[in-house]
Protein backbone atom coordinates (compact mmCIF):
# COMPACT_ATOMS: atom_id res chain seq x y z
CA UNK A 1 25.46 21.13 -28.93
CA UNK A 2 24.09 23.76 -26.99
CA UNK A 3 24.07 24.50 -23.29
CA UNK A 4 20.38 23.73 -22.95
CA UNK A 5 20.85 20.21 -24.73
CA UNK A 6 23.86 19.33 -22.57
CA UNK A 7 21.67 20.07 -19.69
CA UNK A 8 18.43 17.95 -21.08
CA UNK A 9 20.49 15.00 -21.84
CA UNK A 10 22.74 15.28 -18.57
CA UNK A 11 19.33 15.25 -16.38
CA UNK A 12 17.80 12.64 -18.28
CA UNK A 13 20.48 10.14 -17.77
CA UNK A 14 21.14 11.12 -14.20
CA UNK A 15 17.63 10.43 -13.61
CA UNK A 16 17.44 7.47 -15.58
CA UNK A 17 20.67 5.98 -13.79
CA UNK A 18 18.85 6.60 -10.36
CA UNK A 19 15.89 4.91 -11.12
CA UNK A 20 17.73 2.01 -12.58
CA UNK A 21 19.65 1.71 -9.15
CA UNK A 22 16.30 1.53 -7.68
CA UNK A 23 15.19 -1.12 -9.87
CA UNK A 24 18.23 -3.07 -9.26
CA UNK A 25 17.08 -3.11 -5.59
CA UNK A 26 14.17 -5.15 -6.58
CA UNK A 27 16.52 -7.83 -7.98
CA UNK A 28 18.18 -7.71 -4.54
CA UNK A 29 14.97 -7.93 -2.59
CA UNK A 30 14.23 -11.28 -4.80
CA UNK A 31 18.00 -12.39 -3.97
CA UNK A 32 17.14 -12.27 -0.04
CA UNK A 33 13.78 -13.78 -0.29
CA UNK A 34 15.51 -16.73 -2.32
CA UNK A 35 18.53 -17.09 -0.23
CA UNK A 36 16.48 -17.25 2.93
CA UNK A 37 13.72 -19.18 1.59
CA UNK A 38 14.12 -21.72 4.37
CA UNK A 39 14.48 -19.70 7.20
CA UNK A 40 10.76 -19.38 7.78
CA UNK A 41 9.45 -17.91 11.10
CA UNK A 42 9.03 -21.06 13.55
CA UNK A 43 6.19 -20.87 15.88
CA UNK A 44 6.87 -21.73 19.63
CA UNK A 45 4.45 -23.66 21.75
CA UNK A 46 1.22 -22.32 22.41
CA UNK A 47 0.99 -19.64 24.97
CA UNK A 48 -0.24 -21.19 28.62
CA UNK A 49 -2.19 -19.89 29.86
CA UNK A 50 -3.68 -17.88 27.08
CA UNK A 51 -3.30 -14.03 27.27
CA UNK A 52 -5.95 -11.88 27.29
CA UNK A 53 -6.33 -10.53 23.78
CA UNK A 54 -7.83 -6.99 22.58
CA UNK A 55 -8.85 -6.50 19.21
CA UNK A 56 -9.21 -3.00 17.69
CA UNK A 57 -11.39 -2.25 14.99
CA UNK A 58 -11.01 1.54 13.75
CA UNK A 59 -13.86 2.74 11.73
CA UNK A 60 -14.36 6.02 9.91
CA UNK A 61 -17.64 6.11 7.84
CA UNK A 62 -17.89 2.46 6.49
CA UNK A 63 -21.63 1.91 6.39
CA UNK A 64 -21.05 -1.07 3.96
CA UNK A 65 -18.58 -3.48 5.71
CA UNK A 66 -18.92 -2.47 9.35
CA UNK A 67 -21.13 -4.81 10.26
CA UNK A 68 -19.31 -7.88 8.51
CA UNK A 69 -16.35 -6.88 10.16
CA UNK A 70 -17.65 -7.06 13.53
CA UNK A 71 -19.46 -10.14 12.85
CA UNK A 72 -16.05 -11.91 11.54
CA UNK A 73 -14.14 -10.79 14.38
CA UNK A 74 -17.08 -12.31 16.81
CA UNK A 75 -16.83 -15.51 15.35
CA UNK A 76 -13.36 -15.89 16.13
CA UNK A 77 -12.06 -18.97 17.83
CA UNK A 78 -10.99 -18.14 21.11
CA UNK A 79 -12.24 -18.21 24.99
CA UNK A 80 -14.69 -15.23 25.25
CA UNK A 81 -13.44 -14.71 28.87
CA UNK A 82 -9.99 -13.62 27.31
CA UNK A 83 -11.41 -11.60 24.22
CA UNK A 84 -11.92 -7.95 24.38
CA UNK A 85 -13.25 -6.53 21.09
CA UNK A 86 -13.36 -2.64 20.99
CA UNK A 87 -14.98 -1.27 17.73
CA UNK A 88 -13.48 2.53 17.81
CA UNK A 89 -15.59 4.62 15.57
CA UNK A 90 -15.21 7.83 14.42
CA UNK A 91 -18.10 7.66 12.16
CA UNK A 92 -20.20 10.94 11.27
CA UNK A 93 -22.92 9.23 9.05
CA UNK A 94 -25.11 6.09 9.39
CA UNK A 95 -21.96 3.73 10.12
CA UNK A 96 -22.83 4.78 13.88
CA UNK A 97 -25.97 2.99 13.97
CA UNK A 98 -25.11 -0.17 12.22
CA UNK A 99 -22.17 -0.42 14.32
CA UNK A 100 -24.07 0.42 17.60
CA UNK A 101 -26.64 -2.08 16.85
CA UNK A 102 -24.03 -5.10 15.51
CA UNK A 103 -22.31 -4.16 19.17
CA UNK A 104 -25.49 -4.57 21.05
CA UNK A 105 -26.43 -7.57 18.96
CA UNK A 106 -23.41 -9.39 20.04
CA UNK A 107 -23.32 -8.17 23.58
CA UNK A 108 -26.72 -9.96 24.21
CA UNK A 109 -25.04 -13.15 22.79
CA UNK A 110 -22.39 -12.69 25.75
CA UNK A 111 -19.29 -11.30 23.77
CA UNK A 112 -17.28 -8.41 25.57
CA UNK A 113 -17.60 -6.02 22.54
CA UNK A 114 -17.34 -2.55 23.53
CA UNK A 115 -18.53 0.71 21.51
CA UNK A 116 -16.10 4.30 21.61
CA UNK A 117 -17.22 6.85 19.66
CA UNK A 118 -15.47 9.74 19.50
CA UNK A 119 -16.27 13.08 17.90
CA UNK A 120 -13.34 15.16 17.33
CA UNK A 121 -11.19 12.45 15.42
CA UNK A 122 -8.09 13.96 16.66
CA UNK A 123 -4.81 11.96 15.52
CA UNK A 124 -7.30 10.08 12.90
CA UNK A 125 -6.70 6.52 13.03
CA UNK A 126 -3.59 6.65 15.30
CA UNK A 127 -5.94 8.71 17.85
CA UNK A 128 -8.54 6.34 17.84
CA UNK A 129 -6.34 3.21 18.44
CA UNK A 130 -4.12 5.21 21.23
CA UNK A 131 -7.66 6.30 22.91
CA UNK A 132 -9.07 2.39 22.76
CA UNK A 133 -5.56 1.50 24.17
CA UNK A 134 -5.74 3.51 27.46
CA UNK A 135 -9.03 1.39 28.35
CA UNK A 136 -7.93 -1.83 26.92
CA UNK A 137 -7.38 -4.75 29.05
CA UNK A 138 -5.60 -7.16 26.78
CA UNK A 139 -1.76 -8.15 26.95
CA UNK A 140 -1.78 -8.36 23.30
CA UNK A 141 -3.61 -6.23 20.56
CA UNK A 142 -4.93 -7.07 17.35
CA UNK A 143 -6.08 -4.50 14.76
CA UNK A 144 -8.39 -5.11 11.90
CA UNK A 145 -9.38 -2.22 9.15
CA UNK A 146 -13.06 -2.20 8.14
CA UNK A 147 -12.97 -4.61 5.04
CA UNK A 148 -11.26 -7.36 6.81
CA UNK A 149 -12.30 -10.94 7.45
CA UNK A 150 -10.05 -12.67 9.45
CA UNK A 151 -10.31 -16.40 9.67
CA UNK A 152 -11.83 -17.98 12.80
CA UNK A 153 -8.25 -19.39 13.76
CA UNK A 154 -6.38 -15.81 13.03
CA UNK A 155 -5.38 -15.42 16.95
CA UNK A 156 -4.41 -19.08 17.68
CA UNK A 157 -2.02 -18.83 14.75
CA UNK A 158 -0.47 -15.88 15.35
CA UNK A 159 -0.13 -16.40 19.30
CA UNK A 160 2.61 -18.97 19.39
CA UNK A 161 5.06 -16.63 17.53
CA UNK A 162 5.04 -14.49 20.94
CA UNK A 163 6.74 -17.58 22.93
CA UNK A 164 9.70 -15.48 22.51
CA UNK A 165 9.93 -12.70 24.88
CA UNK A 166 11.28 -10.60 21.95
CA UNK A 167 8.95 -10.58 19.51
CA UNK A 168 7.01 -7.57 19.43
CA UNK A 169 4.76 -8.10 16.19
CA UNK A 170 3.41 -10.10 14.20
CA UNK A 171 1.65 -9.53 10.65
CA UNK A 172 -0.47 -11.83 8.54
CA UNK A 173 -0.76 -11.53 4.52
CA UNK A 174 -3.41 -9.88 3.15
CA UNK A 175 -5.78 -11.64 0.61
CA UNK A 176 -7.94 -10.18 -1.62
CA UNK A 177 -11.82 -10.63 -1.83
CA UNK A 178 -12.44 -9.02 -4.89
CA UNK A 179 -9.24 -9.38 -6.84
CA UNK A 180 -11.05 -10.69 -10.12
CA UNK A 181 -13.52 -8.14 -10.10
CA UNK A 182 -11.75 -6.05 -12.95
CA UNK A 183 -8.33 -5.14 -14.27
CA UNK A 184 -7.77 -2.70 -11.55
CA UNK A 185 -8.12 -4.90 -8.80
CA UNK A 186 -6.28 -7.65 -10.31
CA UNK A 187 -3.15 -5.36 -10.64
CA UNK A 188 -3.80 -3.89 -7.41
CA UNK A 189 -3.80 -7.44 -5.80
CA UNK A 190 -0.32 -8.63 -7.70
CA UNK A 191 1.21 -5.55 -5.99
CA UNK A 192 -0.08 -6.29 -3.16
CA UNK A 193 1.46 -9.80 -3.14
CA UNK A 194 4.63 -8.59 -3.88
CA UNK A 195 4.78 -6.40 -1.06
CA UNK A 196 4.03 -9.27 1.32
CA UNK A 197 5.46 -12.08 0.22
CA UNK A 198 8.73 -10.79 -1.13
CA UNK A 199 9.59 -7.37 0.51
CA UNK A 200 8.15 -8.74 3.79
CA UNK A 201 9.31 -11.93 3.60
CA UNK A 202 12.80 -10.97 2.01
CA UNK A 203 13.37 -8.55 4.62
CA UNK A 204 11.88 -10.19 7.49
CA UNK A 205 13.85 -13.52 6.69
CA UNK A 206 17.01 -12.28 6.37
CA UNK A 207 17.08 -9.72 9.75
CA UNK A 208 16.09 -6.66 8.36
CA UNK A 209 13.38 -4.21 9.20
CA UNK A 210 9.95 -4.60 7.75
CA UNK A 211 6.72 -2.60 9.05
CA UNK A 212 3.54 -3.22 10.43
CA UNK A 213 0.28 -2.68 7.71
CA UNK A 214 -1.83 -1.25 10.04
CA UNK A 215 -4.25 -3.97 9.84
CA UNK A 216 -4.27 -7.67 10.08
CA UNK A 217 -1.40 -8.23 12.69
CA UNK A 218 -1.00 -8.47 16.55
CA UNK A 219 1.03 -6.63 19.01
CA UNK A 220 2.59 -7.30 22.38
CA UNK A 221 1.04 -4.53 24.48
CA UNK A 222 3.89 -3.14 26.02
CA UNK A 223 5.88 -2.57 22.94
CA UNK A 224 3.51 0.03 21.71
CA UNK A 225 4.23 1.68 24.90
CA UNK A 226 8.04 1.01 24.98
CA UNK A 227 8.33 2.47 21.36
CA UNK A 228 6.53 5.60 22.28
CA UNK A 229 3.20 4.61 21.67
CA UNK A 230 1.02 5.60 18.43
CA UNK A 231 1.92 8.97 17.04
CA UNK A 232 -0.30 10.96 14.60
CA UNK A 233 2.44 13.09 13.18
CA UNK A 234 2.40 10.96 9.74
CA UNK A 235 0.02 9.38 7.98
CA UNK A 236 1.54 6.14 8.09
CA UNK A 237 1.02 5.71 12.00
CA UNK A 238 1.87 2.00 11.69
CA UNK A 239 5.13 2.11 9.69
CA UNK A 240 6.35 4.73 12.39
CA UNK A 241 5.63 2.63 15.03
CA UNK A 242 7.20 -0.26 13.41
CA UNK A 243 10.52 1.44 13.07
CA UNK A 244 10.28 2.60 16.15
CA UNK A 245 10.00 -0.49 18.04
CA UNK A 246 12.67 -2.30 15.82
CA UNK A 247 15.31 0.67 16.69
CA UNK A 248 14.22 -0.45 20.25
CA UNK A 249 15.58 -3.89 19.84
CA UNK A 250 12.08 -5.71 19.26
CA UNK A 251 11.70 -8.59 16.66
CA UNK A 252 9.03 -8.28 14.17
CA UNK A 253 7.63 -11.85 12.41
CA UNK A 254 5.78 -11.90 8.78
CA UNK A 255 3.52 -15.02 8.41
CA UNK A 256 3.10 -15.60 4.67
CA UNK A 257 0.57 -18.51 5.35
CA UNK A 258 -1.73 -16.52 7.38
CA UNK A 259 -4.08 -14.72 5.16
CA UNK A 260 -6.59 -12.48 6.23
CA UNK A 261 -8.99 -11.28 3.49
CA UNK A 262 -10.20 -7.74 2.79
CA UNK A 263 -11.25 -5.82 -0.40
CA UNK A 264 -8.98 -3.63 -2.78
CA UNK A 265 -10.27 -0.46 -3.93
CA UNK A 266 -12.61 -0.88 -7.22
CA UNK A 267 -12.30 2.45 -8.37
CA UNK A 268 -9.63 4.75 -9.60
CA UNK A 269 -9.65 7.77 -7.47
CA UNK A 270 -10.18 5.48 -4.41
CA UNK A 271 -7.08 3.99 -5.12
CA UNK A 272 -5.07 7.07 -5.96
CA UNK A 273 -6.38 8.27 -2.56
CA UNK A 274 -4.83 5.28 -0.98
CA UNK A 275 -1.60 5.34 -2.84
CA UNK A 276 -1.31 9.20 -2.00
CA UNK A 277 -1.77 8.40 1.71
CA UNK A 278 0.93 5.54 1.77
CA UNK A 279 3.28 7.67 -0.50
CA UNK A 280 3.01 10.87 1.75
CA UNK A 281 3.19 9.13 5.05
CA UNK A 282 6.31 7.30 4.31
CA UNK A 283 7.92 10.21 3.27
CA UNK A 284 6.82 11.70 6.37
CA UNK A 285 8.27 8.76 8.26
CA UNK A 286 11.38 9.09 6.29
CA UNK A 287 11.94 12.53 7.39
CA UNK A 288 11.34 11.60 10.88
CA UNK A 289 13.21 8.53 11.07
CA UNK A 290 15.93 7.99 8.62
CA UNK A 291 18.58 10.02 10.46
CA UNK A 292 17.89 8.14 13.91
CA UNK A 293 18.08 5.10 11.97
CA UNK A 294 21.46 5.86 10.20
CA UNK A 295 23.02 6.66 13.39
CA UNK A 296 21.60 3.83 15.20
CA UNK A 297 23.83 0.85 16.35
CA UNK A 298 22.54 -1.74 13.81
CA UNK A 299 24.08 -3.85 10.75
CA UNK A 300 24.88 -1.57 7.68
CA UNK A 301 22.45 -3.94 5.72
CA UNK A 302 19.87 -3.00 7.82
CA UNK A 303 20.39 0.37 7.62
CA UNK A 304 20.91 0.08 3.94
CA UNK A 305 17.51 -1.56 3.46
CA UNK A 306 15.76 0.62 5.66
CA UNK A 307 17.05 3.54 3.34
CA UNK A 308 15.92 2.23 0.49
CA UNK A 309 12.52 1.28 2.15
CA UNK A 310 12.07 4.81 3.41
CA UNK A 311 12.83 6.58 0.26
CA UNK A 312 11.38 4.41 -2.55
CA UNK A 313 8.72 6.94 -3.16
CA UNK A 314 11.03 9.85 -4.18
CA UNK A 315 11.29 7.84 -7.67
CA UNK A 316 7.71 9.00 -8.37
CA UNK A 317 9.44 12.62 -9.01
CA UNK A 318 12.19 11.55 -10.63
CA UNK A 319 9.37 9.52 -13.06
CA UNK A 320 7.75 13.02 -13.87
CA UNK A 321 10.90 14.36 -14.61
CA UNK A 322 12.04 11.56 -16.84
CA UNK A 323 8.77 11.45 -18.60
CA UNK A 324 8.97 15.12 -19.52
CA UNK A 325 12.84 14.83 -20.94
CA UNK A 326 12.41 11.71 -22.64
CA UNK A 327 10.96 13.41 -25.80
CA UNK A 328 13.47 16.10 -25.94
CA UNK A 329 16.28 13.98 -25.20
CA UNK A 330 15.44 11.67 -28.45
CA UNK A 331 15.09 14.71 -30.63
CA UNK A 332 18.31 15.91 -29.55
CA UNK A 333 20.18 13.05 -30.22
CA UNK A 334 18.58 12.12 -33.55
CA UNK A 335 18.88 15.51 -34.85
CA UNK A 336 22.62 15.27 -34.08
CA UNK A 337 23.16 11.93 -35.85
CA UNK A 338 23.83 10.22 -32.32
CA UNK A 339 20.28 7.57 -32.75
CA UNK A 340 22.76 5.05 -31.78
CA UNK A 341 23.09 6.28 -28.35
CA UNK A 342 19.45 5.78 -27.82
CA UNK A 343 20.36 2.17 -27.55
CA UNK A 344 22.02 3.15 -23.98
CA UNK A 345 18.44 4.15 -22.78
CA UNK A 346 17.61 0.11 -23.31
CA UNK A 347 19.82 -1.59 -20.75
CA UNK A 348 18.90 1.09 -18.14
CA UNK A 349 15.10 1.01 -19.10
CA UNK A 350 15.73 -2.94 -18.75
CA UNK A 351 17.31 -2.44 -15.51
CA UNK A 352 14.60 -0.07 -14.25
CA UNK A 353 11.57 -2.09 -15.77
CA UNK A 354 12.66 -5.82 -16.25
CA UNK A 355 13.15 -5.75 -12.70
CA UNK A 356 9.74 -5.24 -12.30
CA UNK A 357 8.57 -8.11 -14.14
CA UNK A 358 11.17 -10.35 -12.56
CA UNK A 359 9.83 -9.40 -9.07
CA UNK A 360 6.16 -9.95 -9.71
CA UNK A 361 6.71 -12.99 -11.78
CA UNK A 362 8.65 -14.56 -8.69
CA UNK A 363 6.19 -13.47 -6.51
CA UNK A 364 3.31 -15.09 -8.22
CA UNK A 365 5.23 -18.37 -8.91
CA UNK A 366 5.83 -18.61 -5.16
CA UNK A 367 2.03 -18.38 -4.30
CA UNK A 368 -0.13 -19.39 -7.27
CA UNK A 369 -0.19 -22.72 -9.28
CA UNK A 370 -1.84 -20.72 -12.18
CA UNK A 371 1.43 -18.19 -11.96
CA UNK A 372 1.79 -18.59 -15.95
CA UNK A 373 -1.55 -17.10 -16.81
CA UNK A 374 -1.09 -14.26 -14.54
CA UNK A 375 1.97 -12.98 -16.14
CA UNK A 376 -0.13 -11.08 -18.93
CA UNK A 377 -1.10 -8.42 -16.09
CA UNK A 378 2.71 -7.38 -15.93
CA UNK A 379 2.70 -5.13 -18.47
CA UNK A 380 -0.31 -3.26 -17.30
CA UNK A 381 1.11 -3.44 -13.75
CA UNK A 382 4.00 -1.36 -15.14
CA UNK A 383 1.99 1.10 -16.96
CA UNK A 384 -0.41 1.70 -13.72
CA UNK A 385 2.66 2.24 -11.69
CA UNK A 386 3.93 5.10 -14.29
CA UNK A 387 0.32 6.39 -14.31
CA UNK A 388 0.57 6.65 -10.42
CA UNK A 389 3.84 9.13 -10.85
CA UNK A 390 1.62 12.54 -10.60
CA UNK A 391 -0.61 11.45 -8.16
CA UNK A 392 2.37 9.96 -5.92
CA UNK A 393 4.68 13.01 -6.46
CA UNK A 394 2.06 15.51 -5.36
CA UNK A 395 2.16 13.49 -2.13
CA UNK A 396 6.07 13.55 -1.69
CA UNK A 397 5.93 17.18 -2.11
CA UNK A 398 3.25 17.53 0.41
CA UNK A 399 5.15 15.62 2.97
CA UNK A 400 8.41 17.22 1.89
CA UNK A 401 6.97 20.88 2.48
CA UNK A 402 5.01 19.36 5.82
CA UNK A 403 1.66 20.50 3.95
CA UNK A 404 -0.76 19.06 6.62
CA UNK A 405 -3.94 17.12 5.41
CA UNK A 406 -6.55 14.71 7.05
CA UNK A 407 -6.11 10.91 7.13
CA UNK A 408 -8.46 10.21 3.93
CA UNK A 409 -9.22 6.72 4.47
CA UNK A 410 -9.64 4.54 1.30
CA UNK A 411 -13.79 3.86 0.65
CA UNK A 412 -15.03 0.56 0.55
CA UNK A 413 -18.20 -0.79 -0.88
CA UNK A 414 -18.45 -4.47 0.07
CA UNK A 415 -17.37 -5.64 -3.37
CA UNK A 416 -17.35 -9.54 -2.90
CA UNK A 417 -18.63 -11.13 -6.59
CA UNK A 418 -18.36 -9.82 -10.13
CA UNK A 419 -22.28 -8.68 -10.01
CA UNK A 420 -21.87 -6.26 -6.92
CA UNK A 421 -21.93 -2.66 -7.81
CA UNK A 422 -20.20 0.50 -6.64
CA UNK A 423 -21.71 3.25 -8.79
CA UNK A 424 -24.04 5.34 -6.84
CA UNK A 425 -22.80 4.48 -3.42
CA UNK A 426 -21.61 6.90 -1.23
CA UNK A 427 -17.79 8.06 -0.31
CA UNK A 428 -16.47 8.40 -3.72
CA UNK A 429 -13.62 10.16 -4.24
CA UNK A 430 -13.86 13.21 -6.67
CA UNK A 431 -11.71 14.28 -9.62
CA UNK A 432 -9.64 17.43 -9.58
CA UNK A 433 -7.19 18.64 -12.16
CA UNK A 434 -4.76 15.80 -11.87
CA UNK A 435 -6.43 13.41 -14.23
CA UNK A 436 -6.34 16.03 -17.06
CA UNK A 437 -2.34 16.58 -16.08
CA UNK A 438 -2.30 12.51 -16.83
CA UNK A 439 -4.29 12.94 -19.92
CA UNK A 440 -1.91 15.56 -21.16
CA UNK A 441 0.90 13.12 -20.81
CA UNK A 442 -0.49 10.23 -22.16
CA UNK A 443 -1.22 12.59 -25.16
CA UNK A 444 2.29 13.67 -25.27
CA UNK A 445 3.83 9.94 -25.17
CA UNK A 446 1.21 9.28 -28.05
CA UNK A 447 3.04 11.69 -29.87
CA UNK A 448 6.47 10.76 -28.93
CA UNK A 449 5.73 7.01 -29.92
CA UNK A 450 4.65 8.33 -33.59
CA UNK A 451 7.76 10.34 -33.77
CA UNK A 452 9.66 7.16 -32.65
CA UNK A 453 8.01 5.03 -35.33
CA UNK A 454 8.33 7.51 -38.23
CA UNK A 455 12.42 7.76 -37.18
CA UNK A 456 12.59 4.08 -36.75
CA UNK A 457 13.82 4.35 -33.43
CA UNK A 458 11.89 0.94 -32.65
CA UNK A 459 14.17 0.15 -29.69
CA UNK A 460 12.39 2.60 -27.45
CA UNK A 461 8.90 2.11 -28.51
CA UNK A 462 7.90 -0.62 -26.00
CA UNK A 463 9.37 1.39 -23.06
CA UNK A 464 7.26 4.59 -24.50
CA UNK A 465 3.95 2.42 -25.12
CA UNK A 466 4.12 1.93 -21.19
CA UNK A 467 4.13 5.29 -20.40
CA UNK A 468 1.61 6.18 -22.84
CA UNK A 469 -0.89 3.68 -21.63
CA UNK A 470 -0.28 4.49 -17.84
CA UNK A 471 -1.05 8.09 -17.90
CA UNK A 472 -4.19 7.33 -20.40
CA UNK A 473 -5.53 4.71 -18.22
CA UNK A 474 -5.18 6.25 -15.13
CA UNK A 475 -6.52 9.39 -15.96
CA UNK A 476 -9.26 8.32 -18.48
CA UNK A 477 -10.54 5.91 -15.75
CA UNK A 478 -10.88 8.53 -12.95
CA UNK A 479 -12.67 10.61 -15.32
CA UNK A 480 -15.22 8.00 -16.68
CA UNK A 481 -15.91 6.35 -13.19
CA UNK A 482 -16.32 9.64 -11.54
CA UNK A 483 -18.79 10.73 -14.14
CA UNK A 484 -20.48 7.20 -13.95
CA UNK A 485 -21.12 7.82 -10.50
CA UNK A 486 -22.12 11.12 -10.69
CA UNK A 487 -24.71 10.10 -13.34
CA UNK A 488 -26.18 7.50 -11.32
CA UNK A 489 -26.58 10.22 -7.98
CA UNK A 490 -28.15 12.72 -10.07
CA UNK A 491 -30.37 10.32 -11.59
CA UNK A 492 -31.62 8.88 -8.36
CA UNK A 493 -32.07 12.56 -7.33
CA UNK A 494 -34.05 13.60 -9.88
CA UNK A 495 -36.25 10.32 -9.86
CA UNK A 496 -37.03 10.83 -5.85
CA UNK A 497 -38.46 14.25 -6.54
């Protein structure tokens, strides 16, 4: 065996083992959740007297959902004299007029709602929240992104948990208004359910750190200042502030039974943009805070869980390396008569992939009566996770090399039913070279599948197909949806002439 072949196999198994370790960590998250399943947060008595609450609504070019958000928040069941609403609008398009008009409508109805418009957008969302906080009068601050529709009793359900003076933030679970719109939205809803129900639930109930998700949560105002305020040196200002606050000794609470419905992206390029921002921001936060976390006087279990949480996105570059090495590794071993060694891959792949199936199966069983019917989506979920590795690897390297990019918010189109349409609307994300790379990898794995079948290496075929479908789906859907949107826009422009 040549040196190149030795190095190829060594790198292949090294990467696969690391991915398997992170796969086994998913089993640990499920274990934490099940072990502490009965340790649900207990609300204290309702705060008396009720405190003044400020609700912040950060907007940036959200013309389709701004009015719906403002109407939902103004309909909250809370004494009007104790409720302040801030519409923090950094928009540069029709959203400004829509939001201002909605604000005037509710001011006329006696609601304390203020329209605050910035023209420089410094600090992006964190900057807007910071600017609003300077003039806010609330002792508690709730935040909602543009596509959310909180229930009328949202505030009254969260406030009793602040009866404990050490509780600094309470996070609700996201619901999904449009989860049945397409395969992509269904997969996203399952991914988010796993993040909230098992990750947040397991971490919170076992005493580990977890994070505010940027929306559908409430802060004790003094905690924000005590933790250093909103900072905008990362793209995930919510994750950053969460860890800083918990390092200061503040306790967070996650409420799985309080649900705030929202939209998930309906187009692949918007989904990729959202995932890119989250991946890049988490690595930026990792660089910024992980050394401080590891030095902190907190239990080792909390440090270990924070390490896995903040470093999880490093799996994406490893996945790219694994994707490239999978075929040559197979050929080397087969040509040397070591094809039986390929059976070693199966347990490692099983650890890395079945852990995902188990994770989301447990989650769906916890929250849905028809969870068995949802299991059919798990292979697609794994494939899409693999297909995102090019997108998120770019995000990881941008964070590592400190490449500055603006906060690209995820476009929302007010998709509520199966017949609603997003094609032809504004805010679509553009396609670059990335989908072509994904397609190339999809074809690469198509060839790998044929090689495995031709040489009767059947044990690896299911795993190869996951990679093949993941790359082909993410690449093709990006191009097809972009082309469909461009065609509608072009036809509209021609018709208007």
